[in-house]
């Protein structure tokens, strides 16, 4: 069987760092054009798999087999979301790239905000036109009953994240996630190896499937690492104002808190400071998403980086292939993530 080409393989072939290759692959800032071109050319020569459907590079194949740029309007991809997707949200960068890719195939993307009333009444936004829509992309849509209603519309649907599969029930649609397990597992193992055995988790793991997977990865890594999971260190909260009170009620704090995402981590750091605790001196903190805020927080936040460009390409590939082959089995795809250590965690 042919060995899968990885980012590390490309880095080794060029004699450069894995991080530099990752920046080029994911179109991140901070690289000279000549360096980026050299990396991308080497990746193509080596057969790096993510390029099998990257259409933005001139001499690569179309994003979907046999796809040709459309001469006119092909249809609307309707983005349904129940949240305001700010620039800090990981999906913001992903959607910019996704929209550029589908536009080359003649599709437009329109955003339709799903209100609390829509969720309650199981109605579609007034701006949604069934006649124009070719497929639906759902982001921050975690109400299972509403999601099932969307799936019953008879249109191709892709969920980027989705409702937590607490009882093992999945939604009948394609689903795209970031890898929520590998980085957390490695982090727990690193902390245990450094002697930090009291580790907790903060965040509502019932909020969505990604939070649930991160929480499950934490618990599994603790169990397999031979460390007890202390339930008082597993804190579910819904509002920022509750965190300081929850932390105060814990009593002696753990060595480490893993947070459901960077925004939870930011709330936790502020709450710790408010009760006279410092990070990382008193408690070490890990976030998830590698948001812009994670880099400028005090201290800079250890986190798990999401490759939003690869998520965008994957989302486009899943939706367009579903439009063309509606009978395909439902697919659940996880894209690569990377653990990033910064000053909010230290090794003694």
C-alpha atoms as a PDB file:
ATOM      1  CA  UNK A   1       0.000   0.000   0.000  1.00  0.00           C
ATOM      2  CA  UNK A   2       1.345   3.439  -0.946  1.00  0.00           C
ATOM      3  CA  UNK A   3       2.407   5.479   2.090  1.00  0.00           C
ATOM      4  CA  UNK A   4       0.277   8.522   2.803  1.00  0.00           C
ATOM      5  CA  UNK A   5       2.221  11.752   2.290  1.00  0.00           C
ATOM      6  CA  UNK A   6       2.113  13.997   5.341  1.00  0.00           C
ATOM      7  CA  UNK A   7       3.071  17.611   6.058  1.00  0.00           C
ATOM      8  CA  UNK A   8       6.095  16.265   7.953  1.00  0.00           C
ATOM      9  CA  UNK A   9       7.220  14.336   4.847  1.00  0.00           C
ATOM     10  CA  UNK A  10       7.145  17.558   2.809  1.00  0.00           C
ATOM     11  CA  UNK A  11       9.021  19.426   5.547  1.00  0.00           C
ATOM     12  CA  UNK A  12      11.704  16.713   5.674  1.00  0.00           C
ATOM     13  CA  UNK A  13      12.107  16.722   1.891  1.00  0.00           C
ATOM     14  CA  UNK A  14      12.674  20.490   1.869  1.00  0.00           C
ATOM     15  CA  UNK A  15      14.652  20.669   5.099  1.00  0.00           C
ATOM     16  CA  UNK A  16      12.261  23.160   6.686  1.00  0.00           C
ATOM     17  CA  UNK A  17       9.899  23.117   9.660  1.00  0.00           C
ATOM     18  CA  UNK A  18       6.517  21.428   9.704  1.00  0.00           C
ATOM     19  CA  UNK A  19       4.949  24.742  10.759  1.00  0.00           C
ATOM     20  CA  UNK A  20       6.271  26.481   7.647  1.00  0.00           C
ATOM     21  CA  UNK A  21       4.810  23.792   5.387  1.00  0.00           C
ATOM     22  CA  UNK A  22       1.487  23.993   7.256  1.00  0.00           C
ATOM     23  CA  UNK A  23       1.352  27.755   6.676  1.00  0.00           C
ATOM     24  CA  UNK A  24       1.836  27.273   2.935  1.00  0.00           C
ATOM     25  CA  UNK A  25      -0.705  24.441   2.687  1.00  0.00           C
ATOM     26  CA  UNK A  26      -3.312  26.452   4.615  1.00  0.00           C
ATOM     27  CA  UNK A  27      -2.605  29.779   2.884  1.00  0.00           C
ATOM     28  CA  UNK A  28      -1.665  31.442   6.166  1.00  0.00           C
ATOM     29  CA  UNK A  29       0.094  34.803   6.363  1.00  0.00           C
ATOM     30  CA  UNK A  30       3.788  35.257   7.118  1.00  0.00           C
ATOM     31  CA  UNK A  31       5.447  33.446   4.195  1.00  0.00           C
ATOM     32  CA  UNK A  32       7.290  34.871   1.214  1.00  0.00           C
ATOM     33  CA  UNK A  33       5.595  34.088  -2.102  1.00  0.00           C
ATOM     34  CA  UNK A  34       8.673  32.245  -3.356  1.00  0.00           C
ATOM     35  CA  UNK A  35       8.746  30.032  -0.258  1.00  0.00           C
ATOM     36  CA  UNK A  36       5.031  29.292  -0.518  1.00  0.00           C
ATOM     37  CA  UNK A  37       5.342  28.398  -4.217  1.00  0.00           C
ATOM     38  CA  UNK A  38       8.310  26.090  -3.547  1.00  0.00           C
ATOM     39  CA  UNK A  39       6.410  24.255  -0.799  1.00  0.00           C
ATOM     40  CA  UNK A  40       3.238  23.867  -2.840  1.00  0.00           C
ATOM     41  CA  UNK A  41       5.198  22.599  -5.827  1.00  0.00           C
ATOM     42  CA  UNK A  42       6.948  19.997  -3.680  1.00  0.00           C
ATOM     43  CA  UNK A  43       3.630  18.960  -2.122  1.00  0.00           C
ATOM     44  CA  UNK A  44       2.156  18.398  -5.579  1.00  0.00           C
ATOM     45  CA  UNK A  45       5.205  16.420  -6.713  1.00  0.00           C
ATOM     46  CA  UNK A  46       4.947  14.163  -3.657  1.00  0.00           C
ATOM     47  CA  UNK A  47       1.199  13.614  -4.128  1.00  0.00           C
ATOM     48  CA  UNK A  48       0.010  15.285  -0.936  1.00  0.00           C
ATOM     49  CA  UNK A  49      -3.614  14.119  -0.715  1.00  0.00           C
ATOM     50  CA  UNK A  50      -5.252  17.404   0.298  1.00  0.00           C
ATOM     51  CA  UNK A  51      -4.378  18.769  -3.130  1.00  0.00           C
ATOM     52  CA  UNK A  52      -6.616  16.226  -4.866  1.00  0.00           C
ATOM     53  CA  UNK A  53      -9.372  18.832  -4.965  1.00  0.00           C
ATOM     54  CA  UNK A  54      -7.658  22.218  -4.531  1.00  0.00           C
ATOM     55  CA  UNK A  55      -8.786  24.283  -7.506  1.00  0.00           C
ATOM     56  CA  UNK A  56      -7.041  27.540  -6.620  1.00  0.00           C
ATOM     57  CA  UNK A  57      -3.645  26.280  -7.798  1.00  0.00           C
ATOM     58  CA  UNK A  58      -3.328  26.596 -11.520  1.00  0.00           C
ATOM     59  CA  UNK A  59      -2.018  23.170 -12.445  1.00  0.00           C
ATOM     60  CA  UNK A  60      -4.090  21.028 -10.086  1.00  0.00           C
ATOM     61  CA  UNK A  61      -7.250  19.082 -10.784  1.00  0.00           C
ATOM     62  CA  UNK A  62     -10.728  20.529 -10.335  1.00  0.00           C
ATOM     63  CA  UNK A  63     -12.145  20.395  -6.796  1.00  0.00           C
ATOM     64  CA  UNK A  64     -14.587  17.660  -7.729  1.00  0.00           C
ATOM     65  CA  UNK A  65     -13.878  14.983 -10.359  1.00  0.00           C
ATOM     66  CA  UNK A  66     -15.086  16.050 -13.840  1.00  0.00           C
ATOM     67  CA  UNK A  67     -16.069  19.484 -12.508  1.00  0.00           C
ATOM     68  CA  UNK A  68     -15.873  22.383 -14.933  1.00  0.00           C
ATOM     69  CA  UNK A  69     -16.222  26.079 -14.117  1.00  0.00           C
ATOM     70  CA  UNK A  70     -19.842  27.054 -14.640  1.00  0.00           C
ATOM     71  CA  UNK A  71     -20.774  29.543 -17.336  1.00  0.00           C
ATOM     72  CA  UNK A  72     -23.670  30.958 -15.338  1.00  0.00           C
ATOM     73  CA  UNK A  73     -25.686  30.623 -12.164  1.00  0.00           C
ATOM     74  CA  UNK A  74     -25.683  27.024 -10.912  1.00  0.00           C
ATOM     75  CA  UNK A  75     -27.694  27.536  -7.744  1.00  0.00           C
ATOM     76  CA  UNK A  76     -27.547  28.824  -4.199  1.00  0.00           C
ATOM     77  CA  UNK A  77     -25.740  27.223  -1.286  1.00  0.00           C
ATOM     78  CA  UNK A  78     -27.851  28.343   1.672  1.00  0.00           C
ATOM     79  CA  UNK A  79     -25.886  28.887   4.870  1.00  0.00           C
ATOM     80  CA  UNK A  80     -28.151  28.334   7.869  1.00  0.00           C
ATOM     81  CA  UNK A  81     -26.825  29.486  11.221  1.00  0.00           C
ATOM     82  CA  UNK A  82     -28.343  30.289  14.590  1.00  0.00           C
ATOM     83  CA  UNK A  83     -25.356  32.427  15.643  1.00  0.00           C
ATOM     84  CA  UNK A  84     -23.604  35.592  14.538  1.00  0.00           C
ATOM     85  CA  UNK A  85     -20.352  34.331  13.021  1.00  0.00           C
ATOM     86  CA  UNK A  86     -17.845  36.990  14.054  1.00  0.00           C
ATOM     87  CA  UNK A  87     -14.292  37.223  12.729  1.00  0.00           C
ATOM     88  CA  UNK A  88     -13.163  35.389  15.871  1.00  0.00           C
ATOM     89  CA  UNK A  89     -15.230  32.311  15.006  1.00  0.00           C
ATOM     90  CA  UNK A  90     -13.213  29.589  13.249  1.00  0.00           C
ATOM     91  CA  UNK A  91     -15.926  29.319  10.582  1.00  0.00           C
ATOM     92  CA  UNK A  92     -15.419  32.906   9.434  1.00  0.00           C
ATOM     93  CA  UNK A  93     -12.108  32.162   7.700  1.00  0.00           C
ATOM     94  CA  UNK A  94     -13.411  28.813   6.492  1.00  0.00           C
ATOM     95  CA  UNK A  95     -16.445  30.414   4.839  1.00  0.00           C
ATOM     96  CA  UNK A  96     -14.338  32.990   2.980  1.00  0.00           C
ATOM     97  CA  UNK A  97     -12.399  30.208   1.292  1.00  0.00           C
ATOM     98  CA  UNK A  98     -15.489  28.047   0.806  1.00  0.00           C
ATOM     99  CA  UNK A  99     -17.326  30.868  -0.973  1.00  0.00           C
ATOM    100  CA  UNK A 100     -14.408  31.514  -3.338  1.00  0.00           C
ATOM    101  CA  UNK A 101     -14.265  27.841  -4.278  1.00  0.00           C
ATOM    102  CA  UNK A 102     -17.979  27.340  -4.979  1.00  0.00           C
ATOM    103  CA  UNK A 103     -18.161  30.594  -6.963  1.00  0.00           C
ATOM    104  CA  UNK A 104     -15.813  29.042  -9.533  1.00  0.00           C
ATOM    105  CA  UNK A 105     -18.484  26.399 -10.104  1.00  0.00           C
ATOM    106  CA  UNK A 106     -21.272  28.966 -10.530  1.00  0.00           C
ATOM    107  CA  UNK A 107     -22.770  28.732  -7.038  1.00  0.00           C
ATOM    108  CA  UNK A 108     -23.562  31.621  -4.757  1.00  0.00           C
ATOM    109  CA  UNK A 109     -23.756  31.492  -0.977  1.00  0.00           C
ATOM    110  CA  UNK A 110     -26.391  33.368   0.995  1.00  0.00           C
ATOM    111  CA  UNK A 111     -26.591  33.469   4.777  1.00  0.00           C
ATOM    112  CA  UNK A 112     -29.957  32.886   6.451  1.00  0.00           C
ATOM    113  CA  UNK A 113     -30.151  33.584  10.157  1.00  0.00           C
ATOM    114  CA  UNK A 114     -32.233  31.037  12.090  1.00  0.00           C
ATOM    115  CA  UNK A 115     -33.934  32.863  14.955  1.00  0.00           C
ATOM    116  CA  UNK A 116     -35.152  31.543  18.274  1.00  0.00           C
ATOM    117  CA  UNK A 117     -38.682  31.747  16.855  1.00  0.00           C
ATOM    118  CA  UNK A 118     -37.651  29.669  13.822  1.00  0.00           C
ATOM    119  CA  UNK A 119     -36.178  27.059  16.139  1.00  0.00           C
ATOM    120  CA  UNK A 120     -39.245  27.015  18.358  1.00  0.00           C
ATOM    121  CA  UNK A 121     -41.777  26.906  15.512  1.00  0.00           C
ATOM    122  CA  UNK A 122     -39.672  24.663  13.237  1.00  0.00           C
ATOM    123  CA  UNK A 123     -39.865  27.196  10.405  1.00  0.00           C
ATOM    124  CA  UNK A 124     -37.267  28.289   7.875  1.00  0.00           C
ATOM    125  CA  UNK A 125     -36.002  31.893   7.741  1.00  0.00           C
ATOM    126  CA  UNK A 126     -38.174  34.169   5.598  1.00  0.00           C
ATOM    127  CA  UNK A 127     -35.207  34.828   3.308  1.00  0.00           C
ATOM    128  CA  UNK A 128     -34.874  31.131   2.431  1.00  0.00           C
ATOM    129  CA  UNK A 129     -36.194  30.259  -1.060  1.00  0.00           C
ATOM    130  CA  UNK A 130     -36.595  26.535  -1.691  1.00  0.00           C
ATOM    131  CA  UNK A 131     -36.689  27.073  -5.459  1.00  0.00           C
ATOM    132  CA  UNK A 132     -33.234  28.687  -5.613  1.00  0.00           C
ATOM    133  CA  UNK A 133     -31.411  26.489  -3.131  1.00  0.00           C
ATOM    134  CA  UNK A 134     -29.261  23.635  -4.419  1.00  0.00           C
ATOM    135  CA  UNK A 135     -27.813  22.616  -1.037  1.00  0.00           C
ATOM    136  CA  UNK A 136     -27.698  23.676   2.602  1.00  0.00           C
ATOM    137  CA  UNK A 137     -24.645  24.306   4.781  1.00  0.00           C
ATOM    138  CA  UNK A 138     -25.372  24.345   8.528  1.00  0.00           C
ATOM    139  CA  UNK A 139     -23.042  26.001  11.038  1.00  0.00           C
ATOM    140  CA  UNK A 140     -23.825  26.494  14.742  1.00  0.00           C
ATOM    141  CA  UNK A 141     -27.018  24.477  14.304  1.00  0.00           C
ATOM    142  CA  UNK A 142     -27.253  22.316  17.426  1.00  0.00           C
ATOM    143  CA  UNK A 143     -31.006  21.825  17.890  1.00  0.00           C
ATOM    144  CA  UNK A 144     -31.480  18.164  16.925  1.00  0.00           C
ATOM    145  CA  UNK A 145     -35.218  18.381  16.162  1.00  0.00           C
ATOM    146  CA  UNK A 146     -34.714  21.414  13.943  1.00  0.00           C
ATOM    147  CA  UNK A 147     -31.779  19.720  12.201  1.00  0.00           C
ATOM    148  CA  UNK A 148     -33.940  16.680  11.447  1.00  0.00           C
ATOM    149  CA  UNK A 149     -36.534  19.017   9.944  1.00  0.00           C
ATOM    150  CA  UNK A 150     -33.841  20.462   7.651  1.00  0.00           C
ATOM    151  CA  UNK A 151     -32.801  16.954   6.618  1.00  0.00           C
ATOM    152  CA  UNK A 152     -36.404  16.220   5.623  1.00  0.00           C
ATOM    153  CA  UNK A 153     -36.436  19.031   3.016  1.00  0.00           C
ATOM    154  CA  UNK A 154     -35.036  16.681   0.376  1.00  0.00           C
ATOM    155  CA  UNK A 155     -31.983  18.868  -0.280  1.00  0.00           C
ATOM    156  CA  UNK A 156     -28.274  18.007   0.068  1.00  0.00           C
ATOM    157  CA  UNK A 157     -27.220  19.064   3.582  1.00  0.00           C
ATOM    158  CA  UNK A 158     -23.830  19.396   5.244  1.00  0.00           C
ATOM    159  CA  UNK A 159     -23.386  20.086   8.951  1.00  0.00           C
ATOM    160  CA  UNK A 160     -20.150  21.672  10.101  1.00  0.00           C
ATOM    161  CA  UNK A 161     -20.294  20.360  13.653  1.00  0.00           C
ATOM    162  CA  UNK A 162     -23.731  19.392  14.928  1.00  0.00           C
ATOM    163  CA  UNK A 163     -25.759  18.318  17.960  1.00  0.00           C
ATOM    164  CA  UNK A 164     -24.010  16.129  20.520  1.00  0.00           C
ATOM    165  CA  UNK A 165     -24.500  12.419  19.887  1.00  0.00           C
ATOM    166  CA  UNK A 166     -25.052  11.650  23.552  1.00  0.00           C
ATOM    167  CA  UNK A 167     -27.164   8.548  22.943  1.00  0.00           C
ATOM    168  CA  UNK A 168     -25.333   7.502  19.807  1.00  0.00           C
ATOM    169  CA  UNK A 169     -27.962   8.950  17.466  1.00  0.00           C
ATOM    170  CA  UNK A 170     -26.632  10.723  14.379  1.00  0.00           C
ATOM    171  CA  UNK A 171     -28.325  13.048  11.923  1.00  0.00           C
ATOM    172  CA  UNK A 172     -29.061  11.773   8.390  1.00  0.00           C
ATOM    173  CA  UNK A 173     -26.674  14.092   6.552  1.00  0.00           C
ATOM    174  CA  UNK A 174     -23.007  14.586   5.743  1.00  0.00           C
ATOM    175  CA  UNK A 175     -21.032  15.958   8.695  1.00  0.00           C
ATOM    176  CA  UNK A 176     -17.703  17.780   8.858  1.00  0.00           C
ATOM    177  CA  UNK A 177     -15.655  18.153  12.037  1.00  0.00           C
ATOM    178  CA  UNK A 178     -12.163  19.105  13.036  1.00  0.00           C
ATOM    179  CA  UNK A 179     -10.132  16.368  14.779  1.00  0.00           C
ATOM    180  CA  UNK A 180     -11.261  16.915  18.370  1.00  0.00           C
ATOM    181  CA  UNK A 181      -9.410  13.934  19.830  1.00  0.00           C
ATOM    182  CA  UNK A 182      -5.727  13.786  18.896  1.00  0.00           C
ATOM    183  CA  UNK A 183      -4.557  17.109  20.339  1.00  0.00           C
ATOM    184  CA  UNK A 184      -6.445  16.664  23.612  1.00  0.00           C
ATOM    185  CA  UNK A 185      -5.135  13.106  24.017  1.00  0.00           C
ATOM    186  CA  UNK A 186      -1.565  14.205  23.430  1.00  0.00           C
ATOM    187  CA  UNK A 187      -1.971  17.131  25.836  1.00  0.00           C
ATOM    188  CA  UNK A 188      -3.316  14.927  28.642  1.00  0.00           C
ATOM    189  CA  UNK A 189      -0.475  12.446  28.110  1.00  0.00           C
ATOM    190  CA  UNK A 190       2.081  15.278  28.203  1.00  0.00           C
ATOM    191  CA  UNK A 191       0.614  16.681  31.410  1.00  0.00           C
ATOM    192  CA  UNK A 192       0.512  13.266  33.078  1.00  0.00           C
ATOM    193  CA  UNK A 193       4.121  12.609  32.059  1.00  0.00           C
ATOM    194  CA  UNK A 194       5.085  15.929  33.654  1.00  0.00           C
ATOM    195  CA  UNK A 195       3.450  14.844  36.916  1.00  0.00           C
ATOM    196  CA  UNK A 196       0.256  16.883  36.615  1.00  0.00           C
ATOM    197  CA  UNK A 197      -2.383  14.271  37.424  1.00  0.00           C
ATOM    198  CA  UNK A 198      -5.210  16.514  38.617  1.00  0.00           C
ATOM    199  CA  UNK A 199      -6.786  17.600  35.341  1.00  0.00           C
ATOM    200  CA  UNK A 200     -10.273  18.982  34.810  1.00  0.00           C
ATOM    201  CA  UNK A 201     -12.538  20.012  31.930  1.00  0.00           C
ATOM    202  CA  UNK A 202     -14.567  23.220  31.713  1.00  0.00           C
ATOM    203  CA  UNK A 203     -17.403  23.739  29.219  1.00  0.00           C
ATOM    204  CA  UNK A 204     -20.845  22.430  28.394  1.00  0.00           C
ATOM    205  CA  UNK A 205     -20.012  19.170  26.628  1.00  0.00           C
ATOM    206  CA  UNK A 206     -23.696  18.791  25.694  1.00  0.00           C
ATOM    207  CA  UNK A 207     -23.563  22.001  23.639  1.00  0.00           C
ATOM    208  CA  UNK A 208     -22.396  20.327  20.423  1.00  0.00           C
ATOM    209  CA  UNK A 209     -20.672  17.222  19.100  1.00  0.00           C
ATOM    210  CA  UNK A 210     -17.235  18.847  19.002  1.00  0.00           C
ATOM    211  CA  UNK A 211     -17.403  19.782  22.676  1.00  0.00           C
ATOM    212  CA  UNK A 212     -18.612  16.249  23.431  1.00  0.00           C
ATOM    213  CA  UNK A 213     -15.704  14.704  21.497  1.00  0.00           C
ATOM    214  CA  UNK A 214     -13.184  16.934  23.309  1.00  0.00           C
ATOM    215  CA  UNK A 215     -14.657  16.018  26.680  1.00  0.00           C
ATOM    216  CA  UNK A 216     -14.722  12.317  25.775  1.00  0.00           C
ATOM    217  CA  UNK A 217     -11.076  12.489  24.606  1.00  0.00           C
ATOM    218  CA  UNK A 218     -10.096  14.060  27.933  1.00  0.00           C
ATOM    219  CA  UNK A 219     -11.833  11.348  29.969  1.00  0.00           C
ATOM    220  CA  UNK A 220     -10.512   8.491  27.842  1.00  0.00           C
ATOM    221  CA  UNK A 221      -6.937   9.803  27.968  1.00  0.00           C
ATOM    222  CA  UNK A 222      -7.145  10.120  31.746  1.00  0.00           C
ATOM    223  CA  UNK A 223      -8.485   6.592  32.153  1.00  0.00           C
ATOM    224  CA  UNK A 224      -5.934   5.037  29.806  1.00  0.00           C
ATOM    225  CA  UNK A 225      -3.215   7.063  31.494  1.00  0.00           C
ATOM    226  CA  UNK A 226      -4.138   5.569  34.856  1.00  0.00           C
ATOM    227  CA  UNK A 227      -5.258   8.877  36.363  1.00  0.00           C
ATOM    228  CA  UNK A 228      -8.569   9.364  38.202  1.00  0.00           C
ATOM    229  CA  UNK A 229     -11.164  11.739  36.763  1.00  0.00           C
ATOM    230  CA  UNK A 230     -12.365  13.893  39.635  1.00  0.00           C
ATOM    231  CA  UNK A 231     -15.914  14.950  38.837  1.00  0.00           C
ATOM    232  CA  UNK A 232     -15.664  18.189  40.813  1.00  0.00           C
ATOM    233  CA  UNK A 233     -13.047  19.307  38.297  1.00  0.00           C
ATOM    234  CA  UNK A 234     -15.486  18.762  35.395  1.00  0.00           C
ATOM    235  CA  UNK A 235     -17.482  21.975  35.260  1.00  0.00           C
ATOM    236  CA  UNK A 236     -20.432  22.647  32.963  1.00  0.00           C
ATOM    237  CA  UNK A 237     -21.466  26.266  32.838  1.00  0.00           C
ATOM    238  CA  UNK A 238     -23.693  28.348  30.584  1.00  0.00           C
ATOM    239  CA  UNK A 239     -22.832  31.970  31.380  1.00  0.00           C
ATOM    240  CA  UNK A 240     -19.545  33.763  32.019  1.00  0.00           C
ATOM    241  CA  UNK A 241     -20.786  35.139  35.338  1.00  0.00           C
ATOM    242  CA  UNK A 242     -21.102  31.603  36.695  1.00  0.00           C
ATOM    243  CA  UNK A 243     -17.450  30.594  36.277  1.00  0.00           C
ATOM    244  CA  UNK A 244     -15.886  32.376  39.241  1.00  0.00           C
ATOM    245  CA  UNK A 245     -18.598  31.006  41.524  1.00  0.00           C
ATOM    246  CA  UNK A 246     -18.075  27.482  40.148  1.00  0.00           C
ATOM    247  CA  UNK A 247     -14.317  27.717  40.597  1.00  0.00           C
ATOM    248  CA  UNK A 248     -14.695  29.027  44.113  1.00  0.00           C
ATOM    249  CA  UNK A 249     -16.983  26.100  44.963  1.00  0.00           C
ATOM    250  CA  UNK A 250     -14.392  23.565  43.760  1.00  0.00           C
ATOM    251  CA  UNK A 251     -12.072  24.354  46.649  1.00  0.00           C
ATOM    252  CA  UNK A 252      -8.520  23.267  45.857  1.00  0.00           C
ATOM    253  CA  UNK A 253      -8.072  23.733  42.126  1.00  0.00           C
ATOM    254  CA  UNK A 254      -6.603  21.116  39.763  1.00  0.00           C
ATOM    255  CA  UNK A 255      -3.183  21.385  38.146  1.00  0.00           C
ATOM    256  CA  UNK A 256      -4.718  21.816  34.691  1.00  0.00           C
ATOM    257  CA  UNK A 257      -8.028  22.819  33.108  1.00  0.00           C
ATOM    258  CA  UNK A 258      -8.860  21.773  29.548  1.00  0.00           C
ATOM    259  CA  UNK A 259     -11.449  24.181  28.148  1.00  0.00           C
ATOM    260  CA  UNK A 260     -14.031  23.414  25.473  1.00  0.00           C
ATOM    261  CA  UNK A 261     -12.708  26.249  23.284  1.00  0.00           C
ATOM    262  CA  UNK A 262     -10.613  29.410  23.426  1.00  0.00           C
ATOM    263  CA  UNK A 263     -13.529  31.614  24.449  1.00  0.00           C
ATOM    264  CA  UNK A 264     -14.276  29.396  27.439  1.00  0.00           C
ATOM    265  CA  UNK A 265     -10.557  29.470  28.251  1.00  0.00           C
ATOM    266  CA  UNK A 266     -10.551  33.264  28.182  1.00  0.00           C
ATOM    267  CA  UNK A 267     -13.509  33.357  30.568  1.00  0.00           C
ATOM    268  CA  UNK A 268     -11.754  30.895  32.879  1.00  0.00           C
ATOM    269  CA  UNK A 269      -8.499  32.892  32.937  1.00  0.00           C
ATOM    270  CA  UNK A 270     -10.385  36.085  33.834  1.00  0.00           C
ATOM    271  CA  UNK A 271     -12.385  34.255  36.492  1.00  0.00           C
ATOM    272  CA  UNK A 272      -9.213  32.797  38.017  1.00  0.00           C
ATOM    273  CA  UNK A 273      -7.626  36.230  38.192  1.00  0.00           C
ATOM    274  CA  UNK A 274     -10.764  37.565  39.887  1.00  0.00           C
ATOM    275  CA  UNK A 275     -10.343  35.059  42.729  1.00  0.00           C
ATOM    276  CA  UNK A 276      -6.644  35.714  43.088  1.00  0.00           C
ATOM    277  CA  UNK A 277      -5.266  32.821  41.032  1.00  0.00           C
ATOM    278  CA  UNK A 278      -2.645  33.099  38.306  1.00  0.00           C
ATOM    279  CA  UNK A 279      -2.112  31.207  35.045  1.00  0.00           C
ATOM    280  CA  UNK A 280       0.018  29.116  34.714  1.00  0.00           C
ATOM    281  CA  UNK A 281       1.480  29.419  38.228  1.00  0.00           C
ATOM    282  CA  UNK A 282      -1.660  28.146  39.978  1.00  0.00           C
ATOM    283  CA  UNK A 283      -3.553  26.461  37.119  1.00  0.00           C
ATOM    284  CA  UNK A 284      -2.496  25.604  33.585  1.00  0.00           C
ATOM    285  CA  UNK A 285      -5.052  26.263  30.822  1.00  0.00           C
ATOM    286  CA  UNK A 286      -5.621  24.705  27.367  1.00  0.00           C
ATOM    287  CA  UNK A 287      -8.113  26.099  24.869  1.00  0.00           C
ATOM    288  CA  UNK A 288      -9.218  24.898  21.424  1.00  0.00           C
ATOM    289  CA  UNK A 289      -9.564  26.664  18.018  1.00  0.00           C
ATOM    290  CA  UNK A 290      -6.394  28.829  17.958  1.00  0.00           C
ATOM    291  CA  UNK A 291      -8.496  31.983  17.676  1.00  0.00           C
ATOM    292  CA  UNK A 292      -6.825  35.369  17.184  1.00  0.00           C
ATOM    293  CA  UNK A 293      -7.584  36.115  20.827  1.00  0.00           C
ATOM    294  CA  UNK A 294      -5.574  33.085  21.954  1.00  0.00           C
ATOM    295  CA  UNK A 295      -2.370  34.700  20.688  1.00  0.00           C
ATOM    296  CA  UNK A 296      -2.855  38.047  22.426  1.00  0.00           C
ATOM    297  CA  UNK A 297      -4.354  36.827  25.704  1.00  0.00           C
ATOM    298  CA  UNK A 298      -2.350  37.247  28.899  1.00  0.00           C
ATOM    299  CA  UNK A 299      -0.738  34.796  29.088  1.00  0.00           C
ATOM    300  CA  UNK A 300      -0.797  33.584  25.459  1.00  0.00           C
ATOM    301  CA  UNK A 301      -3.040  30.542  25.349  1.00  0.00           C
ATOM    302  CA  UNK A 302      -2.027  26.970  24.623  1.00  0.00           C
ATOM    303  CA  UNK A 303      -4.629  25.661  22.203  1.00  0.00           C
ATOM    304  CA  UNK A 304      -5.431  23.310  19.313  1.00  0.00           C
ATOM    305  CA  UNK A 305      -5.139  24.800  15.837  1.00  0.00           C
ATOM    306  CA  UNK A 306      -7.896  24.178  13.262  1.00  0.00           C
ATOM    307  CA  UNK A 307      -6.900  24.153   9.579  1.00  0.00           C
ATOM    308  CA  UNK A 308      -9.761  26.241   8.231  1.00  0.00           C
ATOM    309  CA  UNK A 309      -8.658  26.096   4.586  1.00  0.00           C
ATOM    310  CA  UNK A 310      -8.714  22.308   4.563  1.00  0.00           C
ATOM    311  CA  UNK A 311     -12.127  22.443   6.235  1.00  0.00           C
ATOM    312  CA  UNK A 312     -13.321  24.778   3.484  1.00  0.00           C
ATOM    313  CA  UNK A 313     -12.101  22.471   0.714  1.00  0.00           C
ATOM    314  CA  UNK A 314     -13.616  19.470   2.473  1.00  0.00           C
ATOM    315  CA  UNK A 315     -16.959  21.253   2.892  1.00  0.00           C
ATOM    316  CA  UNK A 316     -17.046  22.194  -0.778  1.00  0.00           C
ATOM    317  CA  UNK A 317     -16.127  18.677  -1.879  1.00  0.00           C
ATOM    318  CA  UNK A 318     -18.751  17.078   0.358  1.00  0.00           C
ATOM    319  CA  UNK A 319     -21.547  19.393  -0.778  1.00  0.00           C
ATOM    320  CA  UNK A 320     -20.819  19.401  -4.514  1.00  0.00           C
ATOM    321  CA  UNK A 321     -20.393  15.626  -4.623  1.00  0.00           C
ATOM    322  CA  UNK A 322     -23.684  15.260  -2.704  1.00  0.00           C
ATOM    323  CA  UNK A 323     -25.449  17.522  -5.211  1.00  0.00           C
ATOM    324  CA  UNK A 324     -24.190  15.352  -8.071  1.00  0.00           C
ATOM    325  CA  UNK A 325     -24.637  11.985  -6.358  1.00  0.00           C
ATOM    326  CA  UNK A 326     -27.593  12.259  -3.934  1.00  0.00           C
ATOM    327  CA  UNK A 327     -27.575   8.497  -3.280  1.00  0.00           C
ATOM    328  CA  UNK A 328     -24.117   8.459  -1.656  1.00  0.00           C
ATOM    329  CA  UNK A 329     -23.905   7.028   1.845  1.00  0.00           C
ATOM    330  CA  UNK A 330     -23.666   9.726   4.502  1.00  0.00           C
ATOM    331  CA  UNK A 331     -20.104  10.713   5.322  1.00  0.00           C
ATOM    332  CA  UNK A 332     -18.525  11.938   8.558  1.00  0.00           C
ATOM    333  CA  UNK A 333     -15.181  13.656   7.957  1.00  0.00           C
ATOM    334  CA  UNK A 334     -12.639  14.911  10.496  1.00  0.00           C
ATOM    335  CA  UNK A 335      -9.838  17.249   9.368  1.00  0.00           C
ATOM    336  CA  UNK A 336      -6.378  17.551  10.897  1.00  0.00           C
ATOM    337  CA  UNK A 337      -5.640  19.721  13.951  1.00  0.00           C
ATOM    338  CA  UNK A 338      -2.380  20.590  15.741  1.00  0.00           C
ATOM    339  CA  UNK A 339      -1.626  21.049  19.440  1.00  0.00           C
ATOM    340  CA  UNK A 340       0.112  24.395  20.105  1.00  0.00           C
ATOM    341  CA  UNK A 341       1.905  25.102  23.371  1.00  0.00           C
ATOM    342  CA  UNK A 342       2.091  28.670  24.646  1.00  0.00           C
ATOM    343  CA  UNK A 343       2.607  30.295  28.020  1.00  0.00           C
ATOM    344  CA  UNK A 344      -0.662  29.224  29.659  1.00  0.00           C
ATOM    345  CA  UNK A 345       0.845  25.764  30.185  1.00  0.00           C
ATOM    346  CA  UNK A 346       4.310  25.034  31.499  1.00  0.00           C
ATOM    347  CA  UNK A 347       6.368  21.953  32.251  1.00  0.00           C
ATOM    348  CA  UNK A 348       8.026  21.891  35.656  1.00  0.00           C
END
